[in-house]
Amino acid sequence: MGERFITDTLGSPDNELDLTLRPPRFQDFVGQAKVVERLELAVEAARARGDVLDHALLSGPPGLGKTTLAYILANAMEVDVKATSGPVIDKPADLAGLLTSLEKGDILFIDEIHRMQKAVEEYLYAAMEDFVLDIMLDQGANARSVRLELKRFTLVGATTRSGLLSAPLRSRFGLTNRLDYYAPGDLRSIVTRSARILDVEIDEEGAAEVAGRSRGTPRIANNLLRRVRDYAQVKADGKITRDVADKALAMFDIDKHGFDEMDKHILETILHKFSGGPVGLSSLAVAVGEEADTIEEVYEPYLIQKGYINRTPKGRTATERCYKHFGLQPGGTQPDLGL
């Protein structure tokens, strides 16, 4: 049976190019070996029993492949999937419309599931466990409950903030997996594969240069590859080498560590405006002109994992590695960069 296509509901359709670069099968998915092995096992077992796949929760930083894995699960189970996001499901009627449209075995993929309204989330409990939906009609003395029987489906939830999921919702997922940042070798393989799909000539060193500045994230790797491709097309002979990739990424202010302007702005602000910290998240957000949630969800995880900042009860602090990155001495008087 051919690959199934994904239907986005209530949200914007995925970029066509992004869909092209997404691997459609487990065999094509690079990295996250343990997660892939567990999901493949679950799929094989469910298909052997003629059963529906267990509900699955995928967590981890943005851009690591949670959505891609939901697509792959649909292809592996040979079912359709409807994709939406937590903030978009504004009221129970929205959820009811999605659930009643699913056929047996279909996948409902909810991105950023931790941002779903509490009132909507509670309707999921019975839907996930008993495959029923209790809807209240009318109000006051005329209020009555109507029970809708649902076809057995699989809910695949994705979250960047698993700690914000309520315990009742988390406990209803049979498969729970966390995705981690990718190793440079895996990212190099992803860049090479994407370059082949995009019909871009790239050598091994060029792919390694792009992968090394991708912050351990395939989505960033693919985005950087497109920018380097444009640079090579206009300013080089169309082939991406290490030198071409280095010049292209330097033009876009992506340094050797994969830091962009905002990463460096955050680190320099902690160092110079707050003397290395500690500084609270809200104060840091105001100082750099960015939303606190964006700093916490997008920028901080990589900076913390790589050892450039620490998150303490009193706030964010710069590490010794951060000082060395900017050629400074911990505890010393730092020059004012005019930030």
C-alpha atoms as a PDB file:
ATOM      1  CA  MET A   1       0.000   0.000   0.000  1.00  0.00           C
ATOM      2  CA  GLY A   2       1.347   3.448  -0.891  1.00  0.00           C
ATOM      3  CA  GLU A   3       2.377   6.168   1.528  1.00  0.00           C
ATOM      4  CA  ARG A   4      -0.510   7.958   3.200  1.00  0.00           C
ATOM      5  CA  PHE A   5      -0.852  11.687   3.028  1.00  0.00           C
ATOM      6  CA  ILE A   6      -1.346  13.891   6.045  1.00  0.00           C
ATOM      7  CA  THR A   7      -4.390  16.108   6.403  1.00  0.00           C
ATOM      8  CA  ASP A   8      -3.935  19.254   8.481  1.00  0.00           C
ATOM      9  CA  THR A   9      -7.117  20.417  10.167  1.00  0.00           C
ATOM     10  CA  LEU A  10      -7.762  23.754  11.853  1.00  0.00           C
ATOM     11  CA  GLY A  11      -4.118  24.739  11.277  1.00  0.00           C
ATOM     12  CA  SER A  12      -2.022  25.973   8.404  1.00  0.00           C
ATOM     13  CA  PRO A  13      -0.837  23.353   5.911  1.00  0.00           C
ATOM     14  CA  ASP A  14       2.801  22.366   6.098  1.00  0.00           C
ATOM     15  CA  ASN A  15       5.233  23.917   3.707  1.00  0.00           C
ATOM     16  CA  GLU A  16       5.483  21.698   0.632  1.00  0.00           C
ATOM     17  CA  LEU A  17       9.268  21.723   0.756  1.00  0.00           C
ATOM     18  CA  ASP A  18       9.291  20.663   4.418  1.00  0.00           C
ATOM     19  CA  LEU A  19       7.069  17.718   3.553  1.00  0.00           C
ATOM     20  CA  THR A  20       9.463  16.759   0.752  1.00  0.00           C
ATOM     21  CA  LEU A  21      12.435  16.693   3.115  1.00  0.00           C
ATOM     22  CA  ARG A  22      10.643  14.676   5.791  1.00  0.00           C
ATOM     23  CA  PRO A  23      11.518  10.974   5.695  1.00  0.00           C
ATOM     24  CA  PRO A  24       8.359   8.901   5.096  1.00  0.00           C
ATOM     25  CA  ARG A  25       9.571   5.625   6.660  1.00  0.00           C
ATOM     26  CA  PHE A  26      11.434   4.473   9.748  1.00  0.00           C
ATOM     27  CA  GLN A  27      14.263   3.218   7.519  1.00  0.00           C
ATOM     28  CA  ASP A  28      14.837   6.766   6.237  1.00  0.00           C
ATOM     29  CA  PHE A  29      14.733   8.412   9.672  1.00  0.00           C
ATOM     30  CA  VAL A  30      18.238   9.264  10.908  1.00  0.00           C
ATOM     31  CA  GLY A  31      19.062   9.378  14.623  1.00  0.00           C
ATOM     32  CA  GLN A  32      16.929   8.785  17.742  1.00  0.00           C
ATOM     33  CA  ALA A  33      17.731   5.068  17.446  1.00  0.00           C
ATOM     34  CA  LYS A  34      16.101   3.972  20.719  1.00  0.00           C
ATOM     35  CA  VAL A  35      12.906   5.924  20.064  1.00  0.00           C
ATOM     36  CA  VAL A  36      12.625   4.538  16.532  1.00  0.00           C
ATOM     37  CA  GLU A  37      13.243   0.990  17.759  1.00  0.00           C
ATOM     38  CA  ARG A  38      10.450   1.267  20.355  1.00  0.00           C
ATOM     39  CA  LEU A  39       7.977   2.748  17.883  1.00  0.00           C
ATOM     40  CA  GLU A  40       8.794   0.148  15.219  1.00  0.00           C
ATOM     41  CA  LEU A  41       8.210  -2.602  17.780  1.00  0.00           C
ATOM     42  CA  ALA A  42       4.847  -1.112  18.785  1.00  0.00           C
ATOM     43  CA  VAL A  43       3.766  -0.814  15.144  1.00  0.00           C
ATOM     44  CA  GLU A  44       4.807  -4.367  14.289  1.00  0.00           C
ATOM     45  CA  ALA A  45       2.992  -5.767  17.326  1.00  0.00           C
ATOM     46  CA  ALA A  46      -0.197  -3.794  16.647  1.00  0.00           C
ATOM     47  CA  ARG A  47      -0.273  -4.826  12.987  1.00  0.00           C
ATOM     48  CA  ALA A  48       0.310  -8.487  13.899  1.00  0.00           C
ATOM     49  CA  ARG A  49      -2.703  -8.359  16.247  1.00  0.00           C
ATOM     50  CA  GLY A  50      -4.796  -6.383  13.788  1.00  0.00           C
ATOM     51  CA  ASP A  51      -5.110  -3.815  16.564  1.00  0.00           C
ATOM     52  CA  VAL A  52      -4.961  -0.040  16.829  1.00  0.00           C
ATOM     53  CA  LEU A  53      -1.656   1.533  17.859  1.00  0.00           C
ATOM     54  CA  ASP A  54      -1.407   2.748  21.464  1.00  0.00           C
ATOM     55  CA  HIS A  55      -1.590   6.483  22.125  1.00  0.00           C
ATOM     56  CA  ALA A  56       1.900   7.991  21.876  1.00  0.00           C
ATOM     57  CA  LEU A  57       3.485  11.055  23.459  1.00  0.00           C
ATOM     58  CA  LEU A  58       6.615  12.560  21.867  1.00  0.00           C
ATOM     59  CA  SER A  59       8.483  15.218  23.813  1.00  0.00           C
ATOM     60  CA  GLY A  60      11.635  17.244  23.304  1.00  0.00           C
ATOM     61  CA  PRO A  61      12.909  20.577  21.963  1.00  0.00           C
ATOM     62  CA  PRO A  62      11.501  21.993  18.699  1.00  0.00           C
ATOM     63  CA  GLY A  63      12.714  20.702  15.361  1.00  0.00           C
ATOM     64  CA  LEU A  64      13.886  17.221  16.378  1.00  0.00           C
ATOM     65  CA  GLY A  65      11.336  15.187  14.403  1.00  0.00           C
ATOM     66  CA  LYS A  66       8.205  14.786  16.546  1.00  0.00           C
ATOM     67  CA  THR A  67       5.879  15.726  13.695  1.00  0.00           C
ATOM     68  CA  THR A  68       7.885  13.625  11.242  1.00  0.00           C
ATOM     69  CA  LEU A  69       7.551  10.566  13.477  1.00  0.00           C
ATOM     70  CA  ALA A  70       3.778  11.070  13.636  1.00  0.00           C
ATOM     71  CA  TYR A  71       3.716  11.017   9.819  1.00  0.00           C
ATOM     72  CA  ILE A  72       5.910   7.903   9.776  1.00  0.00           C
ATOM     73  CA  LEU A  73       3.606   6.135  12.240  1.00  0.00           C
ATOM     74  CA  ALA A  74       0.672   6.838   9.930  1.00  0.00           C
ATOM     75  CA  ASN A  75       2.543   5.416   6.944  1.00  0.00           C
ATOM     76  CA  ALA A  76       3.681   2.368   8.908  1.00  0.00           C
ATOM     77  CA  MET A  77       0.151   1.638  10.153  1.00  0.00           C
ATOM     78  CA  GLU A  78      -1.301   2.480   6.712  1.00  0.00           C
ATOM     79  CA  VAL A  79      -3.844   4.868   8.174  1.00  0.00           C
ATOM     80  CA  ASP A  80      -4.728   8.518   7.731  1.00  0.00           C
ATOM     81  CA  VAL A  81      -3.733  11.228  10.182  1.00  0.00           C
ATOM     82  CA  LYS A  82      -5.318  14.547  10.977  1.00  0.00           C
ATOM     83  CA  ALA A  83      -2.935  17.125  12.391  1.00  0.00           C
ATOM     84  CA  THR A  84      -3.704  20.135  14.538  1.00  0.00           C
ATOM     85  CA  SER A  85      -2.181  21.958  17.516  1.00  0.00           C
ATOM     86  CA  GLY A  86      -3.207  22.472  21.121  1.00  0.00           C
ATOM     87  CA  PRO A  87      -3.895  26.243  21.017  1.00  0.00           C
ATOM     88  CA  VAL A  88      -6.089  25.856  17.915  1.00  0.00           C
ATOM     89  CA  ILE A  89      -8.577  23.535  19.652  1.00  0.00           C
ATOM     90  CA  ASP A  90     -10.369  26.332  21.427  1.00  0.00           C
ATOM     91  CA  LYS A  91     -13.548  24.599  22.595  1.00  0.00           C
ATOM     92  CA  PRO A  92     -14.914  21.068  23.063  1.00  0.00           C
ATOM     93  CA  ALA A  93     -16.905  21.298  19.828  1.00  0.00           C
ATOM     94  CA  ASP A  94     -13.641  21.630  17.884  1.00  0.00           C
ATOM     95  CA  LEU A  95     -12.335  18.433  19.455  1.00  0.00           C
ATOM     96  CA  ALA A  96     -15.629  16.641  18.866  1.00  0.00           C
ATOM     97  CA  GLY A  97     -15.512  17.530  15.181  1.00  0.00           C
ATOM     98  CA  LEU A  98     -12.033  16.061  14.861  1.00  0.00           C
ATOM     99  CA  LEU A  99     -12.696  12.873  16.819  1.00  0.00           C
ATOM    100  CA  THR A 100     -15.985  11.997  15.094  1.00  0.00           C
ATOM    101  CA  SER A 101     -14.351  12.321  11.665  1.00  0.00           C
ATOM    102  CA  LEU A 102     -11.710   9.664  12.406  1.00  0.00           C
ATOM    103  CA  GLU A 103     -11.977   6.163  10.992  1.00  0.00           C
ATOM    104  CA  LYS A 104     -10.786   3.071  12.863  1.00  0.00           C
ATOM    105  CA  GLY A 105      -7.035   3.190  13.455  1.00  0.00           C
ATOM    106  CA  ASP A 106      -6.625   6.781  12.246  1.00  0.00           C
ATOM    107  CA  ILE A 107      -4.136   9.027  14.003  1.00  0.00           C
ATOM    108  CA  LEU A 108      -5.017  12.376  15.541  1.00  0.00           C
ATOM    109  CA  PHE A 109      -1.790  14.346  15.882  1.00  0.00           C
ATOM    110  CA  ILE A 110      -1.873  17.274  18.327  1.00  0.00           C
ATOM    111  CA  ASP A 111       1.254  19.429  18.333  1.00  0.00           C
ATOM    112  CA  GLU A 112       2.049  21.498  21.437  1.00  0.00           C
ATOM    113  CA  ILE A 113      -0.527  19.437  23.304  1.00  0.00           C
ATOM    114  CA  HIS A 114       0.485  21.035  26.628  1.00  0.00           C
ATOM    115  CA  ARG A 115      -1.120  24.292  25.439  1.00  0.00           C
ATOM    116  CA  MET A 116      -4.573  22.781  25.075  1.00  0.00           C
ATOM    117  CA  GLN A 117      -7.376  24.396  27.073  1.00  0.00           C
ATOM    118  CA  LYS A 118      -8.109  22.555  30.326  1.00  0.00           C
ATOM    119  CA  ALA A 119     -11.816  22.309  29.513  1.00  0.00           C
ATOM    120  CA  VAL A 120     -10.990  20.667  26.181  1.00  0.00           C
ATOM    121  CA  GLU A 121      -8.348  18.377  27.662  1.00  0.00           C
ATOM    122  CA  GLU A 122     -10.852  16.813  30.065  1.00  0.00           C
ATOM    123  CA  TYR A 123     -12.935  15.601  27.135  1.00  0.00           C
ATOM    124  CA  LEU A 124      -9.903  13.661  25.909  1.00  0.00           C
ATOM    125  CA  TYR A 125      -9.783  11.441  28.978  1.00  0.00           C
ATOM    126  CA  ALA A 126     -12.853   9.369  28.115  1.00  0.00           C
ATOM    127  CA  ALA A 127     -12.066   9.559  24.399  1.00  0.00           C
ATOM    128  CA  MET A 128      -8.597   8.057  24.900  1.00  0.00           C
ATOM    129  CA  GLU A 129      -9.638   5.366  27.392  1.00  0.00           C
ATOM    130  CA  ASP A 130     -13.165   4.345  26.412  1.00  0.00           C
ATOM    131  CA  PHE A 131     -13.464   5.892  22.922  1.00  0.00           C
ATOM    132  CA  VAL A 132     -16.570   7.825  23.869  1.00  0.00           C
ATOM    133  CA  LEU A 133     -17.314  11.519  23.991  1.00  0.00           C
ATOM    134  CA  ASP A 134     -19.861  12.991  26.404  1.00  0.00           C
ATOM    135  CA  ILE A 135     -21.237  16.273  25.078  1.00  0.00           C
ATOM    136  CA  MET A 136     -23.467  18.585  27.133  1.00  0.00           C
ATOM    137  CA  LEU A 137     -26.407  20.069  25.256  1.00  0.00           C
ATOM    138  CA  ASP A 138     -28.353  23.163  26.353  1.00  0.00           C
ATOM    139  CA  GLN A 139     -27.962  24.773  29.755  1.00  0.00           C
ATOM    140  CA  GLY A 140     -29.736  24.973  33.094  1.00  0.00           C
ATOM    141  CA  ALA A 141     -32.829  22.823  33.589  1.00  0.00           C
ATOM    142  CA  ASN A 142     -32.744  21.674  29.960  1.00  0.00           C
ATOM    143  CA  ALA A 143     -29.127  20.515  30.096  1.00  0.00           C
ATOM    144  CA  ARG A 144     -28.535  16.908  29.072  1.00  0.00           C
ATOM    145  CA  SER A 145     -25.559  14.765  28.204  1.00  0.00           C
ATOM    146  CA  VAL A 146     -25.232  12.957  24.889  1.00  0.00           C
ATOM    147  CA  ARG A 147     -22.705  10.143  24.552  1.00  0.00           C
ATOM    148  CA  LEU A 148     -21.037   9.727  21.165  1.00  0.00           C
ATOM    149  CA  GLU A 149     -19.365   6.431  20.334  1.00  0.00           C
ATOM    150  CA  LEU A 150     -15.999   6.957  18.663  1.00  0.00           C
ATOM    151  CA  LYS A 151     -14.095   4.599  16.415  1.00  0.00           C
ATOM    152  CA  ARG A 152     -10.857   3.349  17.965  1.00  0.00           C
ATOM    153  CA  PHE A 153      -8.141   5.838  17.114  1.00  0.00           C
ATOM    154  CA  THR A 154      -4.584   6.702  18.089  1.00  0.00           C
ATOM    155  CA  LEU A 155      -3.711  10.043  19.653  1.00  0.00           C
ATOM    156  CA  VAL A 156      -0.138  11.178  19.022  1.00  0.00           C
ATOM    157  CA  GLY A 157       0.752  14.189  21.126  1.00  0.00           C
ATOM    158  CA  ALA A 158       3.884  16.308  20.731  1.00  0.00           C
ATOM    159  CA  THR A 159       5.172  18.709  23.355  1.00  0.00           C
ATOM    160  CA  THR A 160       8.219  20.858  23.993  1.00  0.00           C
ATOM    161  CA  ARG A 161       7.218  21.256  27.651  1.00  0.00           C
ATOM    162  CA  SER A 162       6.315  17.822  28.987  1.00  0.00           C
ATOM    163  CA  GLY A 163       6.370  19.163  32.556  1.00  0.00           C
ATOM    164  CA  LEU A 164       3.290  21.266  31.778  1.00  0.00           C
ATOM    165  CA  LEU A 165       1.193  18.218  30.886  1.00  0.00           C
ATOM    166  CA  SER A 166      -1.342  17.283  33.529  1.00  0.00           C
ATOM    167  CA  ALA A 167      -0.837  13.919  35.235  1.00  0.00           C
ATOM    168  CA  PRO A 168      -4.237  12.517  34.085  1.00  0.00           C
ATOM    169  CA  LEU A 169      -3.429  13.244  30.441  1.00  0.00           C
ATOM    170  CA  ARG A 170       0.152  11.982  30.602  1.00  0.00           C
ATOM    171  CA  SER A 171      -0.932   8.694  32.228  1.00  0.00           C
ATOM    172  CA  ARG A 172      -3.230   7.881  29.302  1.00  0.00           C
ATOM    173  CA  PHE A 173      -0.376   7.622  26.795  1.00  0.00           C
ATOM    174  CA  GLY A 174       0.843   4.054  26.401  1.00  0.00           C
ATOM    175  CA  LEU A 175       3.985   5.070  24.497  1.00  0.00           C
ATOM    176  CA  THR A 176       6.077   7.908  25.911  1.00  0.00           C
ATOM    177  CA  ASN A 177       9.339   8.901  24.248  1.00  0.00           C
ATOM    178  CA  ARG A 178      11.688  11.861  24.513  1.00  0.00           C
ATOM    179  CA  LEU A 179      13.758  13.072  21.570  1.00  0.00           C
ATOM    180  CA  ASP A 180      17.230  14.484  22.239  1.00  0.00           C
ATOM    181  CA  TYR A 181      19.555  16.694  20.224  1.00  0.00           C
ATOM    182  CA  TYR A 182      21.321  14.948  17.345  1.00  0.00           C
ATOM    183  CA  ALA A 183      24.981  13.967  17.108  1.00  0.00           C
ATOM    184  CA  PRO A 184      27.042  15.766  14.399  1.00  0.00           C
ATOM    185  CA  GLY A 185      27.366  12.550  12.373  1.00  0.00           C
ATOM    186  CA  ASP A 186      23.596  12.059  12.216  1.00  0.00           C
ATOM    187  CA  LEU A 187      23.089  15.678  11.227  1.00  0.00           C
ATOM    188  CA  ARG A 188      25.672  15.328   8.479  1.00  0.00           C
ATOM    189  CA  SER A 189      23.715  12.366   7.081  1.00  0.00           C
ATOM    190  CA  ILE A 190      20.510  14.435   7.214  1.00  0.00           C
ATOM    191  CA  VAL A 191      22.161  17.364   5.407  1.00  0.00           C
ATOM    192  CA  THR A 192      23.541  15.028   2.727  1.00  0.00           C
ATOM    193  CA  ARG A 193      20.111  13.427   2.206  1.00  0.00           C
ATOM    194  CA  SER A 194      18.352  16.808   2.035  1.00  0.00           C
ATOM    195  CA  ALA A 195      20.937  18.124  -0.433  1.00  0.00           C
ATOM    196  CA  ARG A 196      20.273  15.138  -2.665  1.00  0.00           C
ATOM    197  CA  ILE A 197      16.511  15.783  -2.559  1.00  0.00           C
ATOM    198  CA  LEU A 198      17.044  19.482  -3.268  1.00  0.00           C
ATOM    199  CA  ASP A 199      19.437  18.578  -6.106  1.00  0.00           C
ATOM    200  CA  VAL A 200      22.292  20.506  -4.493  1.00  0.00           C
ATOM    201  CA  GLU A 201      25.907  19.423  -4.940  1.00  0.00           C
ATOM    202  CA  ILE A 202      27.647  19.228  -1.572  1.00  0.00           C
ATOM    203  CA  ASP A 203      30.855  17.516  -0.474  1.00  0.00           C
ATOM    204  CA  GLU A 204      31.421  15.741   2.828  1.00  0.00           C
ATOM    205  CA  GLU A 205      33.254  18.665   4.435  1.00  0.00           C
ATOM    206  CA  GLY A 206      30.559  21.102   3.349  1.00  0.00           C
ATOM    207  CA  ALA A 207      27.858  18.889   4.868  1.00  0.00           C
ATOM    208  CA  ALA A 208      29.895  18.618   8.078  1.00  0.00           C
ATOM    209  CA  GLU A 209      30.226  22.424   8.279  1.00  0.00           C
ATOM    210  CA  VAL A 210      26.465  22.929   7.953  1.00  0.00           C
ATOM    211  CA  ALA A 211      25.738  20.108  10.417  1.00  0.00           C
ATOM    212  CA  GLY A 212      28.215  21.465  12.962  1.00  0.00           C
ATOM    213  CA  ARG A 213      26.387  24.792  13.154  1.00  0.00           C
ATOM    214  CA  SER A 214      22.871  23.330  13.337  1.00  0.00           C
ATOM    215  CA  ARG A 215      22.531  23.245  17.150  1.00  0.00           C
ATOM    216  CA  GLY A 216      21.869  19.512  17.065  1.00  0.00           C
ATOM    217  CA  THR A 217      18.535  20.130  15.312  1.00  0.00           C
ATOM    218  CA  PRO A 218      17.491  18.718  11.891  1.00  0.00           C
ATOM    219  CA  ARG A 219      15.034  21.552  11.204  1.00  0.00           C
ATOM    220  CA  ILE A 220      17.807  24.113  11.655  1.00  0.00           C
ATOM    221  CA  ALA A 221      20.148  21.979   9.536  1.00  0.00           C
ATOM    222  CA  ASN A 222      17.662  21.978   6.652  1.00  0.00           C
ATOM    223  CA  ASN A 223      17.044  25.723   7.006  1.00  0.00           C
ATOM    224  CA  LEU A 224      20.780  26.468   6.967  1.00  0.00           C
ATOM    225  CA  LEU A 225      21.248  24.184   3.970  1.00  0.00           C
ATOM    226  CA  ARG A 226      18.744  26.252   1.987  1.00  0.00           C
ATOM    227  CA  ARG A 227      20.541  29.483   2.878  1.00  0.00           C
ATOM    228  CA  VAL A 228      23.921  28.005   1.944  1.00  0.00           C
ATOM    229  CA  ARG A 229      22.425  26.688  -1.286  1.00  0.00           C
ATOM    230  CA  ASP A 230      21.316  30.224  -2.197  1.00  0.00           C
ATOM    231  CA  TYR A 231      24.773  31.595  -1.409  1.00  0.00           C
ATOM    232  CA  ALA A 232      26.504  28.890  -3.464  1.00  0.00           C
ATOM    233  CA  GLN A 233      24.163  29.497  -6.385  1.00  0.00           C
ATOM    234  CA  VAL A 234      24.807  33.246  -6.478  1.00  0.00           C
ATOM    235  CA  LYS A 235      28.382  33.653  -5.234  1.00  0.00           C
ATOM    236  CA  ALA A 236      30.018  30.286  -5.936  1.00  0.00           C
ATOM    237  CA  ASP A 237      29.761  27.692  -8.693  1.00  0.00           C
ATOM    238  CA  GLY A 238      26.721  26.060  -7.102  1.00  0.00           C
ATOM    239  CA  LYS A 239      28.736  23.488  -5.168  1.00  0.00           C
ATOM    240  CA  ILE A 240      28.786  23.628  -1.372  1.00  0.00           C
ATOM    241  CA  THR A 241      32.251  23.127   0.092  1.00  0.00           C
ATOM    242  CA  ARG A 242      33.473  23.842   3.625  1.00  0.00           C
ATOM    243  CA  ASP A 243      34.739  27.269   2.550  1.00  0.00           C
ATOM    244  CA  VAL A 244      31.481  28.147   0.786  1.00  0.00           C
ATOM    245  CA  ALA A 245      29.414  26.989   3.777  1.00  0.00           C
ATOM    246  CA  ASP A 246      31.629  28.956   6.181  1.00  0.00           C
ATOM    247  CA  LYS A 247      31.289  32.189   4.192  1.00  0.00           C
ATOM    248  CA  ALA A 248      27.552  31.719   3.718  1.00  0.00           C
ATOM    249  CA  LEU A 249      26.853  31.065   7.388  1.00  0.00           C
ATOM    250  CA  ALA A 250      29.091  33.948   8.425  1.00  0.00           C
ATOM    251  CA  MET A 251      26.925  36.206   6.245  1.00  0.00           C
ATOM    252  CA  PHE A 252      23.870  35.051   8.215  1.00  0.00           C
ATOM    253  CA  ASP A 253      25.679  35.557  11.566  1.00  0.00           C
ATOM    254  CA  ILE A 254      25.803  31.849  12.425  1.00  0.00           C
ATOM    255  CA  ASP A 255      29.077  31.217  14.234  1.00  0.00           C
ATOM    256  CA  LYS A 256      31.119  28.023  14.633  1.00  0.00           C
ATOM    257  CA  HIS A 257      29.014  26.927  17.599  1.00  0.00           C
ATOM    258  CA  GLY A 258      25.727  27.455  15.783  1.00  0.00           C
ATOM    259  CA  PHE A 259      24.909  30.599  17.769  1.00  0.00           C
ATOM    260  CA  ASP A 260      22.815  33.180  15.956  1.00  0.00           C
ATOM    261  CA  GLU A 261      22.395  36.843  16.857  1.00  0.00           C
ATOM    262  CA  MET A 262      19.828  36.171  19.593  1.00  0.00           C
ATOM    263  CA  ASP A 263      21.926  33.441  21.227  1.00  0.00           C
ATOM    264  CA  LYS A 264      24.896  35.784  21.428  1.00  0.00           C
ATOM    265  CA  HIS A 265      22.673  38.646  22.569  1.00  0.00           C
ATOM    266  CA  ILE A 266      21.321  36.526  25.444  1.00  0.00           C
ATOM    267  CA  LEU A 267      24.783  35.428  26.562  1.00  0.00           C
ATOM    268  CA  GLU A 268      26.329  38.890  26.275  1.00  0.00           C
ATOM    269  CA  THR A 269      23.407  40.420  28.151  1.00  0.00           C
ATOM    270  CA  ILE A 270      23.871  38.004  31.061  1.00  0.00           C
ATOM    271  CA  LEU A 271      27.618  38.708  31.061  1.00  0.00           C
ATOM    272  CA  HIS A 272      27.604  42.489  30.748  1.00  0.00           C
ATOM    273  CA  LYS A 273      24.240  43.845  31.866  1.00  0.00           C
ATOM    274  CA  PHE A 274      23.833  41.420  34.763  1.00  0.00           C
ATOM    275  CA  SER A 275      27.510  40.742  35.600  1.00  0.00           C
ATOM    276  CA  GLY A 276      27.195  37.056  34.777  1.00  0.00           C
ATOM    277  CA  GLY A 277      23.958  36.588  36.708  1.00  0.00           C
ATOM    278  CA  PRO A 278      21.901  35.404  38.373  1.00  0.00           C
ATOM    279  CA  VAL A 279      19.128  37.117  36.423  1.00  0.00           C
ATOM    280  CA  GLY A 280      15.439  36.204  36.352  1.00  0.00           C
ATOM    281  CA  LEU A 281      13.837  35.038  33.118  1.00  0.00           C
ATOM    282  CA  SER A 282      11.423  37.987  32.935  1.00  0.00           C
ATOM    283  CA  SER A 283      14.242  40.513  33.410  1.00  0.00           C
ATOM    284  CA  LEU A 284      16.356  38.770  30.784  1.00  0.00           C
ATOM    285  CA  ALA A 285      13.426  38.737  28.358  1.00  0.00           C
ATOM    286  CA  VAL A 286      12.904  42.497  28.748  1.00  0.00           C
ATOM    287  CA  ALA A 287      16.630  43.161  28.358  1.00  0.00           C
ATOM    288  CA  VAL A 288      16.931  41.261  25.054  1.00  0.00           C
ATOM    289  CA  GLY A 289      13.502  42.234  23.701  1.00  0.00           C
ATOM    290  CA  GLU A 290      12.183  38.692  23.361  1.00  0.00           C
ATOM    291  CA  GLU A 291       9.248  36.799  24.881  1.00  0.00           C
ATOM    292  CA  ALA A 292      10.121  34.855  28.036  1.00  0.00           C
ATOM    293  CA  ASP A 293       8.462  31.686  26.673  1.00  0.00           C
ATOM    294  CA  THR A 294      10.531  31.897  23.484  1.00  0.00           C
ATOM    295  CA  ILE A 295      13.773  32.201  25.447  1.00  0.00           C
ATOM    296  CA  GLU A 296      12.803  29.289  27.693  1.00  0.00           C
ATOM    297  CA  GLU A 297      11.579  26.970  24.927  1.00  0.00           C
ATOM    298  CA  VAL A 298      13.749  27.869  21.918  1.00  0.00           C
ATOM    299  CA  TYR A 299      17.083  29.300  23.051  1.00  0.00           C
ATOM    300  CA  GLU A 300      17.748  28.087  26.585  1.00  0.00           C
ATOM    301  CA  PRO A 301      17.660  24.297  26.124  1.00  0.00           C
ATOM    302  CA  TYR A 302      20.613  24.284  23.724  1.00  0.00           C
ATOM    303  CA  LEU A 303      22.606  26.862  25.697  1.00  0.00           C
ATOM    304  CA  ILE A 304      22.087  24.904  28.915  1.00  0.00           C
ATOM    305  CA  GLN A 305      22.871  21.529  27.346  1.00  0.00           C
ATOM    306  CA  LYS A 306      26.090  22.870  25.848  1.00  0.00           C
ATOM    307  CA  GLY A 307      27.110  24.347  29.197  1.00  0.00           C
ATOM    308  CA  TYR A 308      26.959  28.081  28.465  1.00  0.00           C
ATOM    309  CA  ILE A 309      24.365  29.034  31.059  1.00  0.00           C
ATOM    310  CA  ASN A 310      22.959  27.504  34.234  1.00  0.00           C
ATOM    311  CA  ARG A 311      19.374  27.685  35.440  1.00  0.00           C
ATOM    312  CA  THR A 312      19.392  28.194  39.214  1.00  0.00           C
ATOM    313  CA  PRO A 313      16.641  28.979  41.770  1.00  0.00           C
ATOM    314  CA  LYS A 314      17.819  32.610  41.740  1.00  0.00           C
ATOM    315  CA  GLY A 315      17.932  32.919  37.951  1.00  0.00           C
ATOM    316  CA  ARG A 316      20.176  32.350  34.932  1.00  0.00           C
ATOM    317  CA  THR A 317      23.955  32.497  35.352  1.00  0.00           C
ATOM    318  CA  ALA A 318      26.825  32.410  32.858  1.00  0.00           C
ATOM    319  CA  THR A 319      29.227  29.468  33.107  1.00  0.00           C
ATOM    320  CA  GLU A 320      32.991  29.426  32.802  1.00  0.00           C
ATOM    321  CA  ARG A 321      32.606  28.133  29.239  1.00  0.00           C
ATOM    322  CA  CYS A 322      30.471  31.164  28.400  1.00  0.00           C
ATOM    323  CA  TYR A 323      33.157  33.529  29.698  1.00  0.00           C
ATOM    324  CA  LYS A 324      35.835  31.728  27.695  1.00  0.00           C
ATOM    325  CA  HIS A 325      33.699  31.829  24.541  1.00  0.00           C
ATOM    326  CA  PHE A 326      33.803  35.629  24.657  1.00  0.00           C
ATOM    327  CA  GLY A 327      37.433  35.809  25.834  1.00  0.00           C
ATOM    328  CA  LEU A 328      36.553  37.008  29.341  1.00  0.00           C
ATOM    329  CA  GLN A 329      37.566  36.039  32.852  1.00  0.00           C
ATOM    330  CA  PRO A 330      34.940  34.856  35.369  1.00  0.00           C
ATOM    331  CA  GLY A 331      34.536  37.287  38.261  1.00  0.00           C
ATOM    332  CA  GLY A 332      36.534  40.022  36.591  1.00  0.00           C
ATOM    333  CA  THR A 333      35.315  43.445  35.496  1.00  0.00           C
ATOM    334  CA  GLN A 334      33.893  42.967  32.024  1.00  0.00           C
ATOM    335  CA  PRO A 335      34.141  45.596  29.281  1.00  0.00           C
ATOM    336  CA  ASP A 336      30.871  47.286  28.388  1.00  0.00           C
ATOM    337  CA  LEU A 337      29.863  46.357  24.858  1.00  0.00           C
ATOM    338  CA  GLY A 338      27.106  48.965  24.809  1.00  0.00           C
ATOM    339  CA  LEU A 339      24.290  46.413  24.972  1.00  0.00           C
END
